[in-house]
Amino acid sequence: MKKMLTSLIVFLSLSSAHAQTASKPVKLGVLNDQSGQYADAAGPASVEVAKMAIADFGGKLLGQPIDLIFADHQNKADIASGIARRWIDTENVDVILDIGNSAVALALSDIVRDKSKIMIVSSAGASTITNEKCSPNTFQWTYNTATLARSTAKALLGQGGNEWFFLTADYAFGHAFEADASAVVKANGGKVVGSVRHPFNTSDFSSFLLQAQSSGANVLALANASGDTSNSLMQAHEFGLLGQKSKMKVAALLFQITDAKSVGLKNLQGVFTSEAYYWDRNDASRAFGKRFFDKIGRMPTMVQAGMYSATLHYLKAVEAAGTLDTAAVLAKFRSLPVNDFFAEKGYVREDGMHIHDYYLLRAKTVEQSKGPWDFYDVVATVPADDANIPRDHSKCSLMKKS
């Protein structure tokens, strides 16, 4: 009997040791726009924050080194799909991170599900990714069009901004933003008085802004991103739509700190926006902002801060699972709480959305600003439950309705 017990203890010890040692290194792939319009908001710096998270974790996982690769999808779904298939089939990538383009994210969601891998989106925002087209293998970590639209629209409606005109990028991301924000405006007693769609990477917004000017709207809603947002905002000031004497406010539905730097504080007057992270919100956000600044030379965008948080949470999930088996990692990824500088009391919902608070930001005046990256006052915290699509309104088949 004693012999049998000794053998059993040895067997269990070996099994435990085996469970904590992977047969291959865990491999992360950052796939995003490395050189185009979204490169400043995510791009190469998102690779650097993933490296920071890996270093902070210790550089090893399940007894093996942590590998990281990256690639530029050039904002093309076919190129991204080819890279993703090669990564999974021949390069043993376990998780694909960041993405940076909603059409790309939707194309890749099917691939990672079919191949039983994981995708964590930080910088692609269409709410369909975790709503109508949700997948058990795909997550949105930082934001989506619904969360930012709900946060900003509710706040501006409360300040009398009840007549909206949308300037919308003519692709999946822009369409989703306009639809999400319009629904909030109408549900809360506001009115959409007009909208116009513009091509991706537009340089001349004059004809679109003339339509906004003649609409009589008191809110110009920018349902676009990056260079398109910056250009439309600067040209709106040139046209006299915005500024200290204008009755029109701006709902910049996705406006990263790199966009604010590009536009300049003078052209931010009247701007309200919502973000999941702002570097000057509290001591923890300032500490990460300083680390990033020391490495990159500027403050991090919301999606770059989210990339760090998402990468670290994935590594913790693999460690807790004790294996690279996708099903086991997914279970831990969903069950582990999120408490870091990015999200306090965050959690992952069944639809794949990382549920956390958002922050309503209002542009400071030039006189109020104390430095080159001091753009905003944090006007309010928007609680997670107010910002996210309510459980009962979700169209995700994975969601349990209350």
Protein backbone atom coordinates (compact mmCIF):
# COMPACT_ATOMS: atom_id res chain seq x y z
CA MET A 1 0.00 0.00 0.00
CA LYS A 2 2.84 2.36 0.96
CA LYS A 3 4.56 1.59 -2.39
CA MET A 4 1.36 2.37 -4.28
CA LEU A 5 0.96 5.72 -2.47
CA THR A 6 4.59 6.67 -3.20
CA SER A 7 4.12 5.80 -6.89
CA LEU A 8 0.92 7.84 -7.02
CA ILE A 9 2.61 10.88 -5.47
CA VAL A 10 5.48 10.64 -7.98
CA PHE A 11 3.01 10.29 -10.87
CA LEU A 12 0.99 13.31 -9.74
CA SER A 13 4.16 15.39 -9.29
CA LEU A 14 5.32 14.53 -12.79
CA SER A 15 1.85 15.28 -14.21
CA SER A 16 1.82 18.66 -12.46
CA ALA A 17 5.29 19.51 -13.76
CA HIS A 18 4.24 18.48 -17.27
CA ALA A 19 1.11 20.65 -17.08
CA GLN A 20 3.26 23.70 -16.27
CA THR A 21 5.70 23.14 -19.14
CA ALA A 22 4.68 23.85 -22.73
CA SER A 23 6.07 21.70 -25.54
CA LYS A 24 6.71 24.89 -27.53
CA PRO A 25 7.10 28.59 -26.68
CA VAL A 26 3.92 30.66 -26.51
CA LYS A 27 3.89 32.88 -29.59
CA LEU A 28 2.12 36.22 -29.94
CA GLY A 29 1.53 38.00 -33.23
CA VAL A 30 0.79 41.73 -33.46
CA LEU A 31 -1.00 42.42 -36.74
CA ASN A 32 -1.89 46.03 -37.53
CA ASP A 33 -1.28 49.05 -39.75
CA GLN A 34 2.47 49.66 -39.41
CA SER A 35 2.88 52.34 -42.06
CA GLY A 36 -0.48 53.85 -43.06
CA GLN A 37 -3.09 56.15 -41.60
CA TYR A 38 -3.49 54.23 -38.32
CA ALA A 39 0.23 53.71 -37.69
CA ASP A 40 0.53 56.53 -35.12
CA ALA A 41 -2.50 55.45 -33.09
CA ALA A 42 -1.40 51.80 -32.94
CA GLY A 43 1.35 50.67 -35.35
CA PRO A 44 4.97 50.09 -34.25
CA ALA A 45 4.34 51.49 -30.75
CA SER A 46 1.75 48.77 -30.13
CA VAL A 47 4.48 46.22 -30.78
CA GLU A 48 6.65 48.01 -28.22
CA VAL A 49 3.95 47.94 -25.51
CA ALA A 50 3.45 44.22 -26.13
CA LYS A 51 7.19 43.81 -25.54
CA MET A 52 6.85 45.86 -22.33
CA ALA A 53 4.07 43.56 -21.10
CA ILE A 54 6.14 40.45 -21.90
CA ALA A 55 9.17 41.88 -20.07
CA ASP A 56 7.04 42.83 -17.05
CA PHE A 57 5.61 39.31 -16.99
CA GLY A 58 9.14 37.91 -16.81
CA GLY A 59 9.83 36.91 -20.41
CA LYS A 60 8.97 33.24 -19.87
CA LEU A 61 5.76 31.25 -19.65
CA LEU A 62 5.23 27.55 -18.82
CA GLY A 63 8.98 27.06 -18.78
CA GLN A 64 9.48 28.46 -22.28
CA PRO A 65 10.50 31.88 -23.67
CA ILE A 66 7.70 34.10 -24.95
CA ASP A 67 8.00 34.82 -28.68
CA LEU A 68 6.57 37.91 -30.41
CA ILE A 69 6.27 38.63 -34.13
CA PHE A 70 4.49 41.41 -36.01
CA ALA A 71 3.36 42.35 -39.50
CA ASP A 72 1.71 45.15 -41.49
CA HIS A 73 -1.67 44.24 -43.05
CA GLN A 74 -1.79 47.55 -44.99
CA ASN A 75 -5.50 47.85 -44.06
CA LYS A 76 -6.35 45.09 -46.54
CA ALA A 77 -8.43 42.13 -45.42
CA ASP A 78 -6.95 39.76 -48.01
CA ILE A 79 -3.37 40.54 -46.97
CA ALA A 80 -4.30 40.21 -43.29
CA SER A 81 -6.04 36.89 -43.89
CA GLY A 82 -3.00 35.50 -45.70
CA ILE A 83 -0.68 36.55 -42.87
CA ALA A 84 -3.00 35.12 -40.21
CA ARG A 85 -3.27 31.75 -41.97
CA ARG A 86 0.51 31.53 -42.40
CA TRP A 87 1.09 32.50 -38.77
CA ILE A 88 -1.29 29.86 -37.48
CA ASP A 89 -0.55 27.05 -39.94
CA THR A 90 3.24 27.29 -40.23
CA GLU A 91 4.56 29.65 -37.55
CA ASN A 92 2.65 28.33 -34.51
CA VAL A 93 1.16 31.66 -33.44
CA ASP A 94 -1.24 31.19 -30.52
CA VAL A 95 -2.87 34.63 -30.34
CA ILE A 96 -3.25 37.53 -32.79
CA LEU A 97 -3.31 41.00 -31.23
CA ASP A 98 -4.33 44.59 -32.03
CA ILE A 99 -5.69 44.48 -35.66
CA GLY A 100 -6.41 48.22 -36.17
CA ASN A 101 -9.05 47.88 -38.89
CA SER A 102 -12.64 46.68 -38.45
CA ALA A 103 -12.98 45.02 -41.85
CA VAL A 104 -9.76 43.12 -41.16
CA ALA A 105 -10.96 42.12 -37.69
CA LEU A 106 -14.22 40.74 -39.05
CA ALA A 107 -12.36 38.72 -41.71
CA LEU A 108 -9.88 37.32 -39.18
CA SER A 109 -12.56 36.45 -36.63
CA ASP A 110 -13.75 33.54 -38.76
CA ILE A 111 -10.20 32.32 -39.33
CA VAL A 112 -9.18 32.20 -35.67
CA ARG A 113 -12.45 30.49 -34.72
CA ASP A 114 -12.11 27.85 -37.44
CA LYS A 115 -8.48 27.21 -36.51
CA SER A 116 -9.17 27.25 -32.74
CA LYS A 117 -6.89 30.19 -31.96
CA ILE A 118 -7.50 33.52 -30.18
CA MET A 119 -7.74 37.13 -31.39
CA ILE A 120 -7.70 40.12 -29.03
CA VAL A 121 -8.65 43.36 -30.76
CA SER A 122 -7.39 46.61 -29.26
CA SER A 123 -7.55 49.12 -32.10
CA ALA A 124 -10.46 48.02 -34.33
CA GLY A 125 -13.75 49.43 -33.17
CA ALA A 126 -16.83 48.21 -35.06
CA SER A 127 -19.33 47.02 -32.45
CA THR A 128 -20.39 44.18 -34.79
CA ILE A 129 -17.15 42.38 -33.82
CA THR A 130 -18.61 41.51 -30.41
CA ASN A 131 -22.27 42.07 -31.22
CA GLU A 132 -23.94 40.63 -34.34
CA LYS A 133 -20.78 38.79 -35.46
CA CYS A 134 -19.42 37.78 -32.08
CA SER A 135 -17.22 34.70 -31.80
CA PRO A 136 -16.08 32.67 -28.78
CA ASN A 137 -12.46 33.17 -29.93
CA THR A 138 -12.54 36.96 -30.50
CA PHE A 139 -12.33 39.77 -27.94
CA GLN A 140 -12.51 43.57 -28.02
CA TRP A 141 -10.34 44.89 -25.25
CA THR A 142 -10.09 48.67 -25.43
CA TYR A 143 -13.31 50.08 -26.92
CA ASN A 144 -15.88 49.74 -29.62
CA THR A 145 -18.07 52.14 -31.56
CA ALA A 146 -21.01 51.53 -29.22
CA THR A 147 -19.11 52.32 -26.01
CA LEU A 148 -17.60 55.56 -27.29
CA ALA A 149 -20.82 56.63 -29.01
CA ARG A 150 -22.91 55.98 -25.89
CA SER A 151 -20.43 57.79 -23.63
CA THR A 152 -20.05 60.91 -25.77
CA ALA A 153 -23.62 61.17 -27.07
CA LYS A 154 -25.27 60.95 -23.65
CA ALA A 155 -23.00 63.64 -22.27
CA LEU A 156 -23.56 66.10 -25.11
CA LEU A 157 -27.32 65.53 -25.08
CA GLY A 158 -27.26 66.47 -21.41
CA GLN A 159 -25.62 69.78 -22.36
CA GLY A 160 -28.20 70.73 -24.97
CA GLY A 161 -26.55 69.13 -27.98
CA ASN A 162 -29.77 67.71 -29.41
CA GLU A 163 -29.44 68.18 -33.19
CA TRP A 164 -26.73 66.09 -34.78
CA PHE A 165 -25.07 66.05 -38.18
CA PHE A 166 -22.79 63.10 -38.95
CA LEU A 167 -19.62 63.29 -41.00
CA THR A 168 -18.99 59.58 -41.54
CA ALA A 169 -16.15 57.55 -43.01
CA ASP A 170 -17.59 55.35 -45.75
CA TYR A 171 -16.50 51.91 -44.50
CA ALA A 172 -17.55 49.41 -41.82
CA PHE A 173 -16.07 51.30 -38.89
CA GLY A 174 -17.68 54.64 -39.79
CA HIS A 175 -21.05 53.08 -40.56
CA ALA A 176 -21.03 51.33 -37.18
CA PHE A 177 -20.16 54.56 -35.37
CA GLU A 178 -22.97 56.51 -37.04
CA ALA A 179 -25.50 53.74 -36.36
CA ASP A 180 -24.51 53.38 -32.71
CA ALA A 181 -24.47 57.12 -31.97
CA SER A 182 -27.69 57.79 -33.91
CA ALA A 183 -29.50 55.17 -31.85
CA VAL A 184 -28.39 56.83 -28.59
CA VAL A 185 -29.31 60.32 -29.84
CA LYS A 186 -32.80 59.25 -30.89
CA ALA A 187 -33.41 57.15 -27.77
CA ASN A 188 -32.61 60.14 -25.58
CA GLY A 189 -34.84 62.68 -27.33
CA GLY A 190 -32.33 64.11 -29.81
CA LYS A 191 -32.58 64.37 -33.57
CA VAL A 192 -30.30 63.46 -36.47
CA VAL A 193 -30.73 66.34 -38.92
CA GLY A 194 -28.39 65.01 -41.58
CA SER A 195 -25.35 62.96 -42.51
CA VAL A 196 -22.80 62.63 -45.26
CA ARG A 197 -20.25 59.91 -46.01
CA HIS A 198 -16.72 60.53 -47.20
CA PRO A 199 -14.08 58.19 -48.67
CA PHE A 200 -11.24 56.84 -46.55
CA ASN A 201 -8.22 59.18 -46.32
CA THR A 202 -10.01 62.28 -47.63
CA SER A 203 -7.97 65.48 -47.96
CA ASP A 204 -10.70 67.99 -48.87
CA PHE A 205 -13.78 68.08 -46.61
CA SER A 206 -15.15 71.42 -47.87
CA SER A 207 -18.25 70.08 -49.63
CA PHE A 208 -19.13 67.86 -46.67
CA LEU A 209 -18.66 70.66 -44.15
CA LEU A 210 -20.85 73.02 -46.18
CA GLN A 211 -23.67 70.48 -45.82
CA ALA A 212 -23.08 70.35 -42.06
CA GLN A 213 -23.08 74.15 -41.88
CA SER A 214 -26.39 74.48 -43.70
CA SER A 215 -28.08 71.73 -41.65
CA GLY A 216 -28.63 73.88 -38.57
CA ALA A 217 -27.18 71.16 -36.32
CA ASN A 218 -25.65 72.10 -32.98
CA VAL A 219 -23.44 68.98 -32.87
CA LEU A 220 -21.00 67.95 -35.58
CA ALA A 221 -20.41 64.23 -35.02
CA LEU A 222 -17.16 62.95 -36.51
CA ALA A 223 -17.71 59.25 -37.22
CA ASN A 224 -14.24 58.71 -38.64
CA ALA A 225 -10.72 58.18 -37.37
CA SER A 226 -7.09 59.26 -37.39
CA GLY A 227 -6.10 61.52 -40.32
CA ASP A 228 -9.70 61.87 -41.48
CA THR A 229 -10.73 63.14 -38.04
CA SER A 230 -7.80 65.54 -37.83
CA ASN A 231 -8.36 66.96 -41.32
CA SER A 232 -12.11 67.36 -40.92
CA LEU A 233 -11.67 69.06 -37.55
CA MET A 234 -9.05 71.55 -38.76
CA GLN A 235 -11.06 72.38 -41.86
CA ALA A 236 -14.22 72.84 -39.76
CA HIS A 237 -12.35 75.54 -37.83
CA GLU A 238 -11.18 77.15 -41.07
CA PHE A 239 -14.80 77.26 -42.28
CA GLY A 240 -15.90 78.93 -39.04
CA LEU A 241 -18.14 76.04 -38.00
CA LEU A 242 -16.27 75.72 -34.73
CA GLY A 243 -14.55 77.95 -32.22
CA GLN A 244 -15.35 80.17 -29.27
CA LYS A 245 -18.17 82.04 -31.05
CA SER A 246 -19.82 79.01 -32.63
CA LYS A 247 -22.93 77.37 -31.20
CA MET A 248 -21.76 74.06 -32.63
CA LYS A 249 -20.05 71.48 -30.44
CA VAL A 250 -17.99 68.58 -31.75
CA ALA A 251 -18.53 64.96 -30.84
CA ALA A 252 -15.22 63.41 -31.87
CA LEU A 253 -16.37 59.83 -31.53
CA LEU A 254 -12.88 58.36 -31.84
CA PHE A 255 -10.14 60.87 -31.16
CA GLN A 256 -6.77 59.61 -30.03
CA ILE A 257 -4.14 61.73 -28.33
CA THR A 258 -1.99 61.53 -31.48
CA ASP A 259 -4.88 63.20 -33.34
CA ALA A 260 -5.05 65.93 -30.68
CA LYS A 261 -1.33 66.58 -31.06
CA SER A 262 -1.67 66.76 -34.84
CA VAL A 263 -4.59 69.19 -34.71
CA GLY A 264 -3.28 71.42 -31.92
CA LEU A 265 -5.15 72.78 -28.92
CA LYS A 266 -6.36 75.90 -30.78
CA ASN A 267 -8.35 73.64 -33.12
CA LEU A 268 -9.73 71.53 -30.28
CA GLN A 269 -12.01 74.19 -28.85
CA GLY A 270 -15.54 72.83 -28.45
CA VAL A 271 -14.39 69.21 -28.71
CA PHE A 272 -15.80 66.48 -26.47
CA THR A 273 -14.60 62.92 -26.73
CA SER A 274 -14.57 59.71 -24.70
CA GLU A 275 -11.62 57.43 -24.10
CA ALA A 276 -10.86 54.30 -22.14
CA TYR A 277 -7.48 55.70 -21.08
CA TYR A 278 -6.08 59.21 -20.67
CA TRP A 279 -2.52 59.56 -19.40
CA ASP A 280 -3.25 62.34 -16.88
CA ARG A 281 -6.27 60.80 -15.14
CA ASN A 282 -4.59 59.41 -12.02
CA ASP A 283 -1.22 58.29 -10.62
CA ALA A 284 -1.35 54.86 -12.28
CA SER A 285 -2.17 56.25 -15.74
CA ARG A 286 0.56 58.88 -15.36
CA ALA A 287 3.10 56.21 -14.39
CA PHE A 288 2.36 54.18 -17.54
CA GLY A 289 2.35 57.38 -19.60
CA LYS A 290 5.83 58.25 -18.33
CA ARG A 291 7.18 54.75 -19.10
CA PHE A 292 5.77 54.95 -22.61
CA PHE A 293 7.06 58.50 -23.11
CA ASP A 294 10.57 57.51 -22.02
CA LYS A 295 10.52 54.69 -24.60
CA ILE A 296 8.60 56.21 -27.53
CA GLY A 297 8.95 59.98 -27.04
CA ARG A 298 5.25 60.80 -26.74
CA MET A 299 2.22 59.87 -24.68
CA PRO A 300 0.33 56.62 -25.45
CA THR A 301 -2.98 56.45 -27.23
CA MET A 302 -5.92 54.65 -25.69
CA VAL A 303 -5.41 51.61 -27.92
CA GLN A 304 -1.68 51.38 -27.14
CA ALA A 305 -2.43 51.41 -23.40
CA GLY A 306 -5.10 48.79 -24.05
CA MET A 307 -2.59 46.63 -25.93
CA TYR A 308 -0.36 46.43 -22.87
CA SER A 309 -3.32 45.44 -20.68
CA ALA A 310 -4.63 42.86 -23.18
CA THR A 311 -1.21 41.27 -23.68
CA LEU A 312 -0.62 40.95 -19.95
CA HIS A 313 -4.09 39.49 -19.36
CA TYR A 314 -3.52 36.85 -22.06
CA LEU A 315 -0.20 35.82 -20.48
CA LYS A 316 -1.87 35.56 -17.07
CA ALA A 317 -4.63 33.40 -18.59
CA VAL A 318 -2.11 30.97 -20.12
CA GLU A 319 -0.24 30.80 -16.83
CA ALA A 320 -3.46 30.11 -14.91
CA ALA A 321 -4.51 27.45 -17.44
CA GLY A 322 -1.10 25.75 -17.21
CA THR A 323 -1.33 24.88 -20.88
CA LEU A 324 -1.54 26.39 -24.37
CA ASP A 325 -4.73 24.45 -25.09
CA THR A 326 -7.08 27.07 -26.54
CA ALA A 327 -10.20 25.95 -24.70
CA ALA A 328 -8.43 26.04 -21.33
CA VAL A 329 -6.87 29.44 -22.04
CA LEU A 330 -10.22 30.88 -23.19
CA ALA A 331 -11.87 29.75 -19.96
CA LYS A 332 -9.21 31.50 -17.85
CA PHE A 333 -9.19 34.58 -20.10
CA ARG A 334 -12.90 35.02 -19.42
CA SER A 335 -12.86 34.21 -15.72
CA LEU A 336 -9.85 36.23 -14.51
CA PRO A 337 -10.66 39.78 -13.31
CA VAL A 338 -8.81 42.77 -14.75
CA ASN A 339 -7.25 45.23 -12.32
CA ASP A 340 -4.49 47.40 -13.73
CA PHE A 341 -3.78 51.01 -14.69
CA PHE A 342 -6.08 50.58 -17.70
CA ALA A 343 -9.13 48.99 -16.07
CA GLU A 344 -10.20 48.84 -12.47
CA LYS A 345 -12.65 46.03 -11.75
CA GLY A 346 -12.78 45.07 -15.42
CA TYR A 347 -14.06 41.73 -16.68
CA VAL A 348 -14.65 39.89 -19.95
CA ARG A 349 -18.30 39.38 -20.93
CA GLU A 350 -19.65 36.38 -22.86
CA ASP A 351 -19.77 38.39 -26.09
CA GLY A 352 -16.00 38.96 -25.88
CA MET A 353 -16.21 42.60 -24.78
CA HIS A 354 -13.86 43.75 -22.04
CA ILE A 355 -16.21 45.63 -19.71
CA HIS A 356 -14.67 48.69 -18.06
CA ASP A 357 -15.30 52.37 -17.39
CA TYR A 358 -14.78 55.20 -19.90
CA TYR A 359 -13.90 58.84 -19.39
CA LEU A 360 -15.57 61.89 -20.91
CA LEU A 361 -12.93 64.43 -21.93
CA ARG A 362 -13.35 68.10 -22.77
CA ALA A 363 -10.64 70.08 -24.55
CA LYS A 364 -8.88 72.65 -22.40
CA THR A 365 -8.35 76.20 -23.53
CA VAL A 366 -4.84 77.14 -24.61
CA GLU A 367 -4.45 79.14 -21.40
CA GLN A 368 -5.42 76.19 -19.19
CA SER A 369 -2.91 73.77 -20.71
CA LYS A 370 0.25 73.20 -18.67
CA GLY A 371 2.31 71.29 -21.23
CA PRO A 372 2.55 69.86 -24.75
CA TRP A 373 0.41 66.77 -23.92
CA ASP A 374 -2.03 68.47 -21.54
CA PHE A 375 -5.11 68.56 -23.77
CA TYR A 376 -8.13 67.63 -21.68
CA ASP A 377 -10.10 67.93 -18.49
CA VAL A 378 -11.63 64.65 -17.38
CA VAL A 379 -15.25 65.79 -17.08
CA ALA A 380 -16.81 62.54 -15.88
CA THR A 381 -16.36 58.82 -15.46
CA VAL A 382 -18.87 56.89 -17.54
CA PRO A 383 -19.62 53.63 -15.67
CA ALA A 384 -19.09 50.39 -17.58
CA ASP A 385 -22.78 49.48 -17.47
CA ASP A 386 -23.79 52.83 -19.00
CA ALA A 387 -21.13 52.72 -21.71
CA ASN A 388 -21.59 49.17 -22.98
CA ILE A 389 -24.43 47.69 -25.00
CA PRO A 390 -26.93 46.47 -22.38
CA ARG A 391 -27.09 42.73 -22.04
CA ASP A 392 -30.76 42.65 -23.09
CA HIS A 393 -29.99 44.67 -26.25
CA SER A 394 -27.10 42.52 -27.39
CA LYS A 395 -27.41 40.65 -30.68
CA CYS A 396 -24.58 38.28 -29.80
CA SER A 397 -25.67 34.63 -29.77
CA LEU A 398 -23.23 33.91 -26.93
CA MET A 399 -24.89 36.30 -24.49
CA LYS A 400 -27.16 35.11 -21.68
CA LYS A 401 -30.05 37.53 -21.39
CA SER A 402 -31.06 38.69 -17.92
